[in-house]
Amino acid sequence: MNFKTVAALLDGVHTDFVVSVFEDTIFIAITQNSKLGTLYLVKPDFNSPEDQAYDIKALFGRDDDKQTSSIVSLMRGLNIECRTIISLMIENINFRTLRAIQQVLSTLI
């Protein structure tokens, strides 16, 4: 197991990142208020004809389409091809914020 934490400013807001890499699963928590948001299980869908398709399920919390699309964007941008449990607790998710999150995560995974 590999466990890393880091903090960064995203659009001037303090943001904490926690990443744990296990043998077959990655756990990612990103928060701006020290709380976990909805936990999603993301699994690559190798049976899909589309490149980098994912099966996403909300494990705990409220499913949200904007969160789901943000997570897919992150997974594709980071080229993650293993099972991932992820929580995004971000106040304002936009393209610039997602790219900043991707840059931070790329140093941790």
PDB file of N, CA and C in Angstrom:
ATOM      1  N   MET A   1       0.841  -1.179   0.000  1.00  0.00           N
ATOM      2  CA  MET A   1       0.000   0.000   0.000  1.00  0.00           C
ATOM      3  C   MET A   1       0.885   1.239   0.000  1.00  0.00           C
ATOM      4  N   ASN A   2       0.460   2.218  -0.763  1.00  0.00           N
ATOM      5  CA  ASN A   2       1.158   3.484  -0.860  1.00  0.00           C
ATOM      6  C   ASN A   2       0.169   4.585  -0.471  1.00  0.00           C
ATOM      7  N   PHE A   3       0.494   5.396   0.526  1.00  0.00           N
ATOM      8  CA  PHE A   3      -0.422   6.408   1.059  1.00  0.00           C
ATOM      9  C   PHE A   3       0.240   7.776   0.956  1.00  0.00           C
ATOM     10  N   LYS A   4      -0.452   8.735   0.308  1.00  0.00           N
ATOM     11  CA  LYS A   4       0.109  10.078   0.159  1.00  0.00           C
ATOM     12  C   LYS A   4      -0.962  11.123   0.435  1.00  0.00           C
ATOM     13  N   THR A   5      -0.549  12.233   1.039  1.00  0.00           N
ATOM     14  CA  THR A   5      -1.439  13.378   1.237  1.00  0.00           C
ATOM     15  C   THR A   5      -0.707  14.640   0.803  1.00  0.00           C
ATOM     16  N   VAL A   6      -1.475  15.588   0.328  1.00  0.00           N
ATOM     17  CA  VAL A   6      -0.912  16.876  -0.068  1.00  0.00           C
ATOM     18  C   VAL A   6      -2.042  17.901  -0.039  1.00  0.00           C
ATOM     19  N   ALA A   7      -1.676  19.154   0.102  1.00  0.00           N
ATOM     20  CA  ALA A   7      -2.651  20.246   0.044  1.00  0.00           C
ATOM     21  C   ALA A   7      -2.230  21.203  -1.061  1.00  0.00           C
ATOM     22  N   ALA A   8      -3.213  21.833  -1.687  1.00  0.00           N
ATOM     23  CA  ALA A   8      -2.948  22.801  -2.749  1.00  0.00           C
ATOM     24  C   ALA A   8      -4.057  23.845  -2.739  1.00  0.00           C
ATOM     25  N   LEU A   9      -3.783  24.982  -3.362  1.00  0.00           N
ATOM     26  CA  LEU A   9      -4.809  26.009  -3.532  1.00  0.00           C
ATOM     27  C   LEU A   9      -5.426  25.850  -4.914  1.00  0.00           C
ATOM     28  N   LEU A  10      -6.743  25.659  -4.955  1.00  0.00           N
ATOM     29  CA  LEU A  10      -7.476  25.602  -6.219  1.00  0.00           C
ATOM     30  C   LEU A  10      -8.402  26.802  -6.259  1.00  0.00           C
ATOM     31  N   ASP A  11      -8.158  27.703  -7.189  1.00  0.00           N
ATOM     32  CA  ASP A  11      -8.929  28.949  -7.271  1.00  0.00           C
ATOM     33  C   ASP A  11      -8.944  29.676  -5.928  1.00  0.00           C
ATOM     34  N   GLY A  12      -7.802  29.643  -5.231  1.00  0.00           N
ATOM     35  CA  GLY A  12      -7.663  30.332  -3.956  1.00  0.00           C
ATOM     36  C   GLY A  12      -8.262  29.619  -2.763  1.00  0.00           C
ATOM     37  N   VAL A  13      -8.755  28.388  -2.960  1.00  0.00           N
ATOM     38  CA  VAL A  13      -9.383  27.631  -1.875  1.00  0.00           C
ATOM     39  C   VAL A  13      -8.470  26.473  -1.473  1.00  0.00           C
ATOM     40  N   HIS A  14      -8.181  26.363  -0.171  1.00  0.00           N
ATOM     41  CA  HIS A  14      -7.365  25.267   0.348  1.00  0.00           C
ATOM     42  C   HIS A  14      -8.050  23.937   0.034  1.00  0.00           C
ATOM     43  N   THR A  15      -7.298  23.028  -0.562  1.00  0.00           N
ATOM     44  CA  THR A  15      -7.848  21.735  -0.973  1.00  0.00           C
ATOM     45  C   THR A  15      -6.916  20.630  -0.520  1.00  0.00           C
ATOM     46  N   ASP A  16      -7.471  19.627   0.164  1.00  0.00           N
ATOM     47  CA  ASP A  16      -6.698  18.480   0.631  1.00  0.00           C
ATOM     48  C   ASP A  16      -6.894  17.304  -0.314  1.00  0.00           C
ATOM     49  N   PHE A  17      -5.797  16.598  -0.576  1.00  0.00           N
ATOM     50  CA  PHE A  17      -5.803  15.416  -1.426  1.00  0.00           C
ATOM     51  C   PHE A  17      -5.266  14.240  -0.620  1.00  0.00           C
ATOM     52  N   VAL A  18      -5.951  13.120  -0.678  1.00  0.00           N
ATOM     53  CA  VAL A  18      -5.495  11.879  -0.054  1.00  0.00           C
ATOM     54  C   VAL A  18      -5.562  10.800  -1.122  1.00  0.00           C
ATOM     55  N   VAL A  19      -4.457  10.082  -1.303  1.00  0.00           N
ATOM     56  CA  VAL A  19      -4.414   8.994  -2.282  1.00  0.00           C
ATOM     57  C   VAL A  19      -3.784   7.780  -1.625  1.00  0.00           C
ATOM     58  N   SER A  20      -4.476   6.660  -1.708  1.00  0.00           N
ATOM     59  CA  SER A  20      -3.935   5.376  -1.258  1.00  0.00           C
ATOM     60  C   SER A  20      -3.980   4.423  -2.438  1.00  0.00           C
ATOM     61  N   VAL A  21      -2.828   3.889  -2.795  1.00  0.00           N
ATOM     62  CA  VAL A  21      -2.747   2.948  -3.907  1.00  0.00           C
ATOM     63  C   VAL A  21      -2.554   1.558  -3.328  1.00  0.00           C
ATOM     64  N   PHE A  22      -3.536   0.702  -3.563  1.00  0.00           N
ATOM     65  CA  PHE A  22      -3.482  -0.691  -3.133  1.00  0.00           C
ATOM     66  C   PHE A  22      -3.135  -1.550  -4.341  1.00  0.00           C
ATOM     67  N   GLU A  23      -3.046  -2.846  -4.140  1.00  0.00           N
ATOM     68  CA  GLU A  23      -2.664  -3.750  -5.222  1.00  0.00           C
ATOM     69  C   GLU A  23      -3.593  -3.633  -6.431  1.00  0.00           C
ATOM     70  N   ASP A  24      -4.906  -3.611  -6.200  1.00  0.00           N
ATOM     71  CA  ASP A  24      -5.843  -3.584  -7.327  1.00  0.00           C
ATOM     72  C   ASP A  24      -6.857  -2.445  -7.252  1.00  0.00           C
ATOM     73  N   THR A  25      -6.679  -1.523  -6.312  1.00  0.00           N
ATOM     74  CA  THR A  25      -7.637  -0.434  -6.121  1.00  0.00           C
ATOM     75  C   THR A  25      -6.903   0.842  -5.713  1.00  0.00           C
ATOM     76  N   ILE A  26      -7.413   1.962  -6.189  1.00  0.00           N
ATOM     77  CA  ILE A  26      -6.905   3.271  -5.768  1.00  0.00           C
ATOM     78  C   ILE A  26      -8.021   3.982  -5.013  1.00  0.00           C
ATOM     79  N   PHE A  27      -7.682   4.585  -3.873  1.00  0.00           N
ATOM     80  CA  PHE A  27      -8.635   5.400  -3.121  1.00  0.00           C
ATOM     81  C   PHE A  27      -8.191   6.852  -3.240  1.00  0.00           C
ATOM     82  N   ILE A  28      -9.110   7.730  -3.653  1.00  0.00           N
ATOM     83  CA  ILE A  28      -8.809   9.153  -3.815  1.00  0.00           C
ATOM     84  C   ILE A  28      -9.876   9.965  -3.091  1.00  0.00           C
ATOM     85  N   ALA A  29      -9.440  10.868  -2.220  1.00  0.00           N
ATOM     86  CA  ALA A  29     -10.364  11.801  -1.570  1.00  0.00           C
ATOM     87  C   ALA A  29      -9.833  13.211  -1.798  1.00  0.00           C
ATOM     88  N   ILE A  30     -10.700  14.070  -2.314  1.00  0.00           N
ATOM     89  CA  ILE A  30     -10.349  15.462  -2.559  1.00  0.00           C
ATOM     90  C   ILE A  30     -11.416  16.301  -1.874  1.00  0.00           C
ATOM     91  N   THR A  31     -10.986  17.186  -0.971  1.00  0.00           N
ATOM     92  CA  THR A  31     -11.972  17.949  -0.198  1.00  0.00           C
ATOM     93  C   THR A  31     -11.503  19.377   0.050  1.00  0.00           C
ATOM     94  N   GLN A  32     -12.461  20.273   0.090  1.00  0.00           N
ATOM     95  CA  GLN A  32     -12.182  21.666   0.428  1.00  0.00           C
ATOM     96  C   GLN A  32     -12.796  22.056   1.767  1.00  0.00           C
ATOM     97  N   ASN A  33     -13.445  21.096   2.440  1.00  0.00           N
ATOM     98  CA  ASN A  33     -14.055  21.420   3.736  1.00  0.00           C
ATOM     99  C   ASN A  33     -13.831  20.325   4.779  1.00  0.00           C
ATOM    100  N   SER A  34     -12.811  19.515   4.591  1.00  0.00           N
ATOM    101  CA  SER A  34     -12.429  18.447   5.529  1.00  0.00           C
ATOM    102  C   SER A  34     -13.500  17.378   5.691  1.00  0.00           C
ATOM    103  N   LYS A  35     -14.411  17.269   4.731  1.00  0.00           N
ATOM    104  CA  LYS A  35     -15.445  16.234   4.762  1.00  0.00           C
ATOM    105  C   LYS A  35     -15.374  15.416   3.484  1.00  0.00           C
ATOM    106  N   LEU A  36     -15.840  14.176   3.583  1.00  0.00           N
ATOM    107  CA  LEU A  36     -15.951  13.351   2.385  1.00  0.00           C
ATOM    108  C   LEU A  36     -17.269  13.652   1.694  1.00  0.00           C
ATOM    109  N   GLY A  37     -17.222  13.673   0.383  1.00  0.00           N
ATOM    110  CA  GLY A  37     -18.452  13.788  -0.391  1.00  0.00           C
ATOM    111  C   GLY A  37     -18.946  12.394  -0.726  1.00  0.00           C
ATOM    112  N   THR A  38     -19.763  12.294  -1.738  1.00  0.00           N
ATOM    113  CA  THR A  38     -20.264  11.005  -2.201  1.00  0.00           C
ATOM    114  C   THR A  38     -19.090  10.125  -2.599  1.00  0.00           C
ATOM    115  N   LEU A  39     -19.120   8.876  -2.161  1.00  0.00           N
ATOM    116  CA  LEU A  39     -18.096   7.909  -2.553  1.00  0.00           C
ATOM    117  C   LEU A  39     -18.568   7.179  -3.801  1.00  0.00           C
ATOM    118  N   TYR A  40     -17.743   7.213  -4.830  1.00  0.00           N
ATOM    119  CA  TYR A  40     -18.043   6.536  -6.086  1.00  0.00           C
ATOM    120  C   TYR A  40     -17.069   5.387  -6.304  1.00  0.00           C
ATOM    121  N   LEU A  41     -17.584   4.290  -6.821  1.00  0.00           N
ATOM    122  CA  LEU A  41     -16.750   3.184  -7.274  1.00  0.00           C
ATOM    123  C   LEU A  41     -16.676   3.287  -8.785  1.00  0.00           C
ATOM    124  N   VAL A  42     -15.463   3.369  -9.297  1.00  0.00           N
ATOM    125  CA  VAL A  42     -15.242   3.513 -10.733  1.00  0.00           C
ATOM    126  C   VAL A  42     -14.448   2.303 -11.210  1.00  0.00           C
ATOM    127  N   LYS A  43     -15.022   1.588 -12.180  1.00  0.00           N
ATOM    128  CA  LYS A  43     -14.344   0.419 -12.739  1.00  0.00           C
ATOM    129  C   LYS A  43     -14.226   0.593 -14.246  1.00  0.00           C
ATOM    130  N   PRO A  44     -13.035   0.330 -14.800  1.00  0.00           N
ATOM    131  CA  PRO A  44     -12.908   0.382 -16.257  1.00  0.00           C
ATOM    132  C   PRO A  44     -13.832  -0.659 -16.886  1.00  0.00           C
ATOM    133  N   ASP A  45     -14.463  -0.285 -17.979  1.00  0.00           N
ATOM    134  CA  ASP A  45     -15.347  -1.194 -18.701  1.00  0.00           C
ATOM    135  C   ASP A  45     -14.616  -1.655 -19.956  1.00  0.00           C
ATOM    136  N   PHE A  46     -13.901  -2.779 -19.826  1.00  0.00           N
ATOM    137  CA  PHE A  46     -13.100  -3.281 -20.937  1.00  0.00           C
ATOM    138  C   PHE A  46     -13.960  -3.891 -22.037  1.00  0.00           C
ATOM    139  N   ASN A  47     -15.242  -4.148 -21.769  1.00  0.00           N
ATOM    140  CA  ASN A  47     -16.139  -4.723 -22.769  1.00  0.00           C
ATOM    141  C   ASN A  47     -16.759  -3.669 -23.668  1.00  0.00           C
ATOM    142  N   SER A  48     -16.562  -2.417 -23.346  1.00  0.00           N
ATOM    143  CA  SER A  48     -17.149  -1.333 -24.125  1.00  0.00           C
ATOM    144  C   SER A  48     -16.314  -1.075 -25.377  1.00  0.00           C
ATOM    145  N   PRO A  49     -16.963  -0.815 -26.512  1.00  0.00           N
ATOM    146  CA  PRO A  49     -16.211  -0.488 -27.726  1.00  0.00           C
ATOM    147  C   PRO A  49     -15.542   0.886 -27.640  1.00  0.00           C
ATOM    148  N   GLU A  50     -16.012   1.713 -26.718  1.00  0.00           N
ATOM    149  CA  GLU A  50     -15.455   3.049 -26.538  1.00  0.00           C
ATOM    150  C   GLU A  50     -14.160   2.959 -25.727  1.00  0.00           C
ATOM    151  N   ASP A  51     -13.139   3.693 -26.151  1.00  0.00           N
ATOM    152  CA  ASP A  51     -11.899   3.744 -25.377  1.00  0.00           C
ATOM    153  C   ASP A  51     -12.163   4.431 -24.044  1.00  0.00           C
ATOM    154  N   GLN A  52     -11.543   3.915 -23.007  1.00  0.00           N
ATOM    155  CA  GLN A  52     -11.625   4.481 -21.661  1.00  0.00           C
ATOM    156  C   GLN A  52     -13.070   4.688 -21.200  1.00  0.00           C
ATOM    157  N   ALA A  53     -13.862   3.644 -21.278  1.00  0.00           N
ATOM    158  CA  ALA A  53     -15.225   3.676 -20.747  1.00  0.00           C
ATOM    159  C   ALA A  53     -15.186   3.197 -19.299  1.00  0.00           C
ATOM    160  N   TYR A  54     -16.086   3.709 -18.476  1.00  0.00           N
ATOM    161  CA  TYR A  54     -16.088   3.376 -17.058  1.00  0.00           C
ATOM    162  C   TYR A  54     -17.493   3.044 -16.577  1.00  0.00           C
ATOM    163  N   ASP A  55     -17.553   2.106 -15.650  1.00  0.00           N
ATOM    164  CA  ASP A  55     -18.785   1.792 -14.931  1.00  0.00           C
ATOM    165  C   ASP A  55     -18.685   2.528 -13.596  1.00  0.00           C
ATOM    166  N   ILE A  56     -19.597   3.458 -13.335  1.00  0.00           N
ATOM    167  CA  ILE A  56     -19.529   4.284 -12.128  1.00  0.00           C
ATOM    168  C   ILE A  56     -20.787   4.067 -11.301  1.00  0.00           C
ATOM    169  N   LYS A  57     -20.562   3.828  -9.995  1.00  0.00           N
ATOM    170  CA  LYS A  57     -21.681   3.612  -9.085  1.00  0.00           C
ATOM    171  C   LYS A  57     -21.443   4.413  -7.809  1.00  0.00           C
ATOM    172  N   ALA A  58     -22.468   5.123  -7.352  1.00  0.00           N
ATOM    173  CA  ALA A  58     -22.385   5.828  -6.070  1.00  0.00           C
ATOM    174  C   ALA A  58     -22.520   4.796  -4.960  1.00  0.00           C
ATOM    175  N   LEU A  59     -21.482   4.666  -4.132  1.00  0.00           N
ATOM    176  CA  LEU A  59     -21.499   3.704  -3.029  1.00  0.00           C
ATOM    177  C   LEU A  59     -22.183   4.274  -1.797  1.00  0.00           C
ATOM    178  N   PHE A  60     -21.938   5.549  -1.551  1.00  0.00           N
ATOM    179  CA  PHE A  60     -22.454   6.190  -0.345  1.00  0.00           C
ATOM    180  C   PHE A  60     -22.682   7.659  -0.655  1.00  0.00           C
ATOM    181  N   GLY A  61     -23.886   8.136  -0.478  1.00  0.00           N
ATOM    182  CA  GLY A  61     -24.196   9.528  -0.755  1.00  0.00           C
ATOM    183  C   GLY A  61     -25.089   9.665  -1.975  1.00  0.00           C
ATOM    184  N   ARG A  62     -25.272  10.890  -2.385  1.00  0.00           N
ATOM    185  CA  ARG A  62     -26.183  11.227  -3.481  1.00  0.00           C
ATOM    186  C   ARG A  62     -25.447  11.214  -4.816  1.00  0.00           C
ATOM    187  N   ASP A  63     -25.995  10.481  -5.773  1.00  0.00           N
ATOM    188  CA  ASP A  63     -25.432  10.446  -7.119  1.00  0.00           C
ATOM    189  C   ASP A  63     -25.724  11.776  -7.809  1.00  0.00           C
ATOM    190  N   ASP A  64     -24.736  12.304  -8.507  1.00  0.00           N
ATOM    191  CA  ASP A  64     -24.869  13.610  -9.146  1.00  0.00           C
ATOM    192  C   ASP A  64     -24.223  13.541 -10.527  1.00  0.00           C
ATOM    193  N   ASP A  65     -24.957  13.938 -11.571  1.00  0.00           N
ATOM    194  CA  ASP A  65     -24.450  13.847 -12.943  1.00  0.00           C
ATOM    195  C   ASP A  65     -23.197  14.689 -13.164  1.00  0.00           C
ATOM    196  N   LYS A  66     -23.140  15.877 -12.586  1.00  0.00           N
ATOM    197  CA  LYS A  66     -21.964  16.736 -12.759  1.00  0.00           C
ATOM    198  C   LYS A  66     -20.734  16.097 -12.107  1.00  0.00           C
ATOM    199  N   GLN A  67     -20.920  15.522 -10.924  1.00  0.00           N
ATOM    200  CA  GLN A  67     -19.809  14.826 -10.253  1.00  0.00           C
ATOM    201  C   GLN A  67     -19.352  13.634 -11.094  1.00  0.00           C
ATOM    202  N   THR A  68     -20.322  12.875 -11.600  1.00  0.00           N
ATOM    203  CA  THR A  68     -19.998  11.695 -12.397  1.00  0.00           C
ATOM    204  C   THR A  68     -19.190  12.080 -13.631  1.00  0.00           C
ATOM    205  N   SER A  69     -19.613  13.107 -14.346  1.00  0.00           N
ATOM    206  CA  SER A  69     -18.873  13.511 -15.543  1.00  0.00           C
ATOM    207  C   SER A  69     -17.500  14.074 -15.182  1.00  0.00           C
ATOM    208  N   SER A  70     -17.384  14.753 -14.050  1.00  0.00           N
ATOM    209  CA  SER A  70     -16.080  15.252 -13.594  1.00  0.00           C
ATOM    210  C   SER A  70     -15.142  14.098 -13.278  1.00  0.00           C
ATOM    211  N   ILE A  71     -15.672  13.065 -12.645  1.00  0.00           N
ATOM    212  CA  ILE A  71     -14.859  11.898 -12.302  1.00  0.00           C
ATOM    213  C   ILE A  71     -14.394  11.180 -13.562  1.00  0.00           C
ATOM    214  N   VAL A  72     -15.278  11.017 -14.535  1.00  0.00           N
ATOM    215  CA  VAL A  72     -14.890  10.379 -15.800  1.00  0.00           C
ATOM    216  C   VAL A  72     -13.786  11.187 -16.471  1.00  0.00           C
ATOM    217  N   SER A  73     -13.919  12.498 -16.473  1.00  0.00           N
ATOM    218  CA  SER A  73     -12.894  13.359 -17.058  1.00  0.00           C
ATOM    219  C   SER A  73     -11.550  13.174 -16.362  1.00  0.00           C
ATOM    220  N   LEU A  74     -11.564  13.113 -15.031  1.00  0.00           N
ATOM    221  CA  LEU A  74     -10.320  12.888 -14.281  1.00  0.00           C
ATOM    222  C   LEU A  74      -9.718  11.524 -14.593  1.00  0.00           C
ATOM    223  N   MET A  75     -10.550  10.496 -14.600  1.00  0.00           N
ATOM    224  CA  MET A  75     -10.059   9.138 -14.857  1.00  0.00           C
ATOM    225  C   MET A  75      -9.419   9.051 -16.240  1.00  0.00           C
ATOM    226  N   ARG A  76     -10.053   9.644 -17.228  1.00  0.00           N
ATOM    227  CA  ARG A  76      -9.501   9.637 -18.589  1.00  0.00           C
ATOM    228  C   ARG A  76      -8.217  10.450 -18.661  1.00  0.00           C
ATOM    229  N   GLY A  77      -8.221  11.622 -18.039  1.00  0.00           N
ATOM    230  CA  GLY A  77      -7.036  12.475 -18.063  1.00  0.00           C
ATOM    231  C   GLY A  77      -5.838  11.852 -17.374  1.00  0.00           C
ATOM    232  N   LEU A  78      -6.099  11.075 -16.327  1.00  0.00           N
ATOM    233  CA  LEU A  78      -5.021  10.411 -15.582  1.00  0.00           C
ATOM    234  C   LEU A  78      -4.712   9.025 -16.132  1.00  0.00           C
ATOM    235  N   ASN A  79      -5.538   8.561 -17.070  1.00  0.00           N
ATOM    236  CA  ASN A  79      -5.373   7.242 -17.681  1.00  0.00           C
ATOM    237  C   ASN A  79      -5.364   6.128 -16.633  1.00  0.00           C
ATOM    238  N   ILE A  80      -6.300   6.194 -15.702  1.00  0.00           N
ATOM    239  CA  ILE A  80      -6.410   5.183 -14.650  1.00  0.00           C
ATOM    240  C   ILE A  80      -7.188   3.996 -15.194  1.00  0.00           C
ATOM    241  N   GLU A  81      -6.588   2.827 -15.106  1.00  0.00           N
ATOM    242  CA  GLU A  81      -7.211   1.626 -15.653  1.00  0.00           C
ATOM    243  C   GLU A  81      -7.401   0.548 -14.596  1.00  0.00           C
ATOM    244  N   CYS A  82      -7.599   0.950 -13.353  1.00  0.00           N
ATOM    245  CA  CYS A  82      -7.897  -0.022 -12.303  1.00  0.00           C
ATOM    246  C   CYS A  82      -9.082   0.495 -11.491  1.00  0.00           C
ATOM    247  N   ARG A  83      -9.604  -0.379 -10.662  1.00  0.00           N
ATOM    248  CA  ARG A  83     -10.743  -0.021  -9.816  1.00  0.00           C
ATOM    249  C   ARG A  83     -10.356   1.148  -8.910  1.00  0.00           C
ATOM    250  N   THR A  84     -11.247   2.137  -8.803  1.00  0.00           N
ATOM    251  CA  THR A  84     -10.956   3.338  -8.026  1.00  0.00           C
ATOM    252  C   THR A  84     -12.170   3.727  -7.191  1.00  0.00           C
ATOM    253  N   ILE A  85     -11.917   4.084  -5.950  1.00  0.00           N
ATOM    254  CA  ILE A  85     -12.946   4.666  -5.089  1.00  0.00           C
ATOM    255  C   ILE A  85     -12.558   6.131  -4.924  1.00  0.00           C
ATOM    256  N   ILE A  86     -13.484   7.021  -5.262  1.00  0.00           N
ATOM    257  CA  ILE A  86     -13.143   8.445  -5.288  1.00  0.00           C
ATOM    258  C   ILE A  86     -14.252   9.289  -4.671  1.00  0.00           C
ATOM    259  N   SER A  87     -13.829  10.350  -3.993  1.00  0.00           N
ATOM    260  CA  SER A  87     -14.756  11.326  -3.420  1.00  0.00           C
ATOM    261  C   SER A  87     -14.262  12.723  -3.785  1.00  0.00           C
ATOM    262  N   LEU A  88     -15.146  13.517  -4.392  1.00  0.00           N
ATOM    263  CA  LEU A  88     -14.844  14.910  -4.723  1.00  0.00           C
ATOM    264  C   LEU A  88     -15.751  15.814  -3.894  1.00  0.00           C
ATOM    265  N   MET A  89     -15.168  16.604  -3.013  1.00  0.00           N
ATOM    266  CA  MET A  89     -15.948  17.573  -2.237  1.00  0.00           C
ATOM    267  C   MET A  89     -15.392  18.953  -2.577  1.00  0.00           C
ATOM    268  N   ILE A  90     -15.722  19.405  -3.789  1.00  0.00           N
ATOM    269  CA  ILE A  90     -15.199  20.648  -4.339  1.00  0.00           C
ATOM    270  C   ILE A  90     -16.345  21.636  -4.499  1.00  0.00           C
ATOM    271  N   GLU A  91     -16.118  22.882  -4.070  1.00  0.00           N
ATOM    272  CA  GLU A  91     -17.173  23.899  -4.128  1.00  0.00           C
ATOM    273  C   GLU A  91     -17.574  24.259  -5.553  1.00  0.00           C
ATOM    274  N   ASN A  92     -16.594  24.473  -6.419  1.00  0.00           N
ATOM    275  CA  ASN A  92     -16.886  24.941  -7.773  1.00  0.00           C
ATOM    276  C   ASN A  92     -16.091  24.110  -8.770  1.00  0.00           C
ATOM    277  N   ILE A  93     -16.740  23.131  -9.368  1.00  0.00           N
ATOM    278  CA  ILE A  93     -16.048  22.288 -10.345  1.00  0.00           C
ATOM    279  C   ILE A  93     -16.224  22.903 -11.725  1.00  0.00           C
ATOM    280  N   ASN A  94     -15.089  23.232 -12.349  1.00  0.00           N
ATOM    281  CA  ASN A  94     -15.091  23.730 -13.720  1.00  0.00           C
ATOM    282  C   ASN A  94     -13.865  23.154 -14.427  1.00  0.00           C
ATOM    283  N   PHE A  95     -13.698  23.466 -15.690  1.00  0.00           N
ATOM    284  CA  PHE A  95     -12.600  22.899 -16.468  1.00  0.00           C
ATOM    285  C   PHE A  95     -11.243  23.210 -15.838  1.00  0.00           C
ATOM    286  N   ARG A  96     -11.036  24.458 -15.447  1.00  0.00           N
ATOM    287  CA  ARG A  96      -9.746  24.859 -14.862  1.00  0.00           C
ATOM    288  C   ARG A  96      -9.472  24.102 -13.560  1.00  0.00           C
ATOM    289  N   THR A  97     -10.501  23.957 -12.730  1.00  0.00           N
ATOM    290  CA  THR A  97     -10.350  23.231 -11.467  1.00  0.00           C
ATOM    291  C   THR A  97     -10.029  21.763 -11.722  1.00  0.00           C
ATOM    292  N   LEU A  98     -10.725  21.152 -12.687  1.00  0.00           N
ATOM    293  CA  LEU A  98     -10.453  19.745 -13.008  1.00  0.00           C
ATOM    294  C   LEU A  98      -9.026  19.551 -13.493  1.00  0.00           C
ATOM    295  N   ARG A  99      -8.524  20.475 -14.312  1.00  0.00           N
ATOM    296  CA  ARG A  99      -7.140  20.362 -14.796  1.00  0.00           C
ATOM    297  C   ARG A  99      -6.159  20.508 -13.628  1.00  0.00           C
ATOM    298  N   ALA A 100      -6.439  21.412 -12.705  1.00  0.00           N
ATOM    299  CA  ALA A 100      -5.566  21.577 -11.536  1.00  0.00           C
ATOM    300  C   ALA A 100      -5.587  20.320 -10.670  1.00  0.00           C
ATOM    301  N   ILE A 101      -6.772  19.739 -10.470  1.00  0.00           N
ATOM    302  CA  ILE A 101      -6.881  18.489  -9.708  1.00  0.00           C
ATOM    303  C   ILE A 101      -6.093  17.393 -10.403  1.00  0.00           C
ATOM    304  N   GLN A 102      -6.231  17.314 -11.717  1.00  0.00           N
ATOM    305  CA  GLN A 102      -5.512  16.299 -12.489  1.00  0.00           C
ATOM    306  C   GLN A 102      -4.006  16.457 -12.326  1.00  0.00           C
ATOM    307  N   GLN A 103      -3.508  17.683 -12.351  1.00  0.00           N
ATOM    308  CA  GLN A 103      -2.071  17.918 -12.187  1.00  0.00           C
ATOM    309  C   GLN A 103      -1.584  17.452 -10.818  1.00  0.00           C
ATOM    310  N   VAL A 104      -2.330  17.768  -9.772  1.00  0.00           N
ATOM    311  CA  VAL A 104      -1.935  17.343  -8.424  1.00  0.00           C
ATOM    312  C   VAL A 104      -1.976  15.822  -8.324  1.00  0.00           C
ATOM    313  N   LEU A 105      -3.057  15.213  -8.787  1.00  0.00           N
ATOM    314  CA  LEU A 105      -3.183  13.753  -8.688  1.00  0.00           C
ATOM    315  C   LEU A 105      -2.110  13.032  -9.491  1.00  0.00           C
ATOM    316  N   SER A 106      -1.696  13.600 -10.616  1.00  0.00           N
ATOM    317  CA  SER A 106      -0.677  12.930 -11.434  1.00  0.00           C
ATOM    318  C   SER A 106       0.649  12.800 -10.691  1.00  0.00           C
ATOM    319  N   THR A 107       0.889  13.657  -9.701  1.00  0.00           N
ATOM    320  CA  THR A 107       2.117  13.541  -8.906  1.00  0.00           C
ATOM    321  C   THR A 107       1.968  12.524  -7.769  1.00  0.00           C
ATOM    322  N   LEU A 108       0.725  12.141  -7.460  1.00  0.00           N
ATOM    323  CA  LEU A 108       0.473  11.247  -6.324  1.00  0.00           C
ATOM    324  C   LEU A 108       0.224   9.794  -6.730  1.00  0.00           C
ATOM    325  N   ILE A 109      -0.204   9.584  -7.962  1.00  0.00           N
ATOM    326  CA  ILE A 109      -0.565   8.218  -8.393  1.00  0.00           C
ATOM    327  C   ILE A 109       0.593   7.603  -9.161  1.00  0.00           C
TER     328      ILE A 109
END
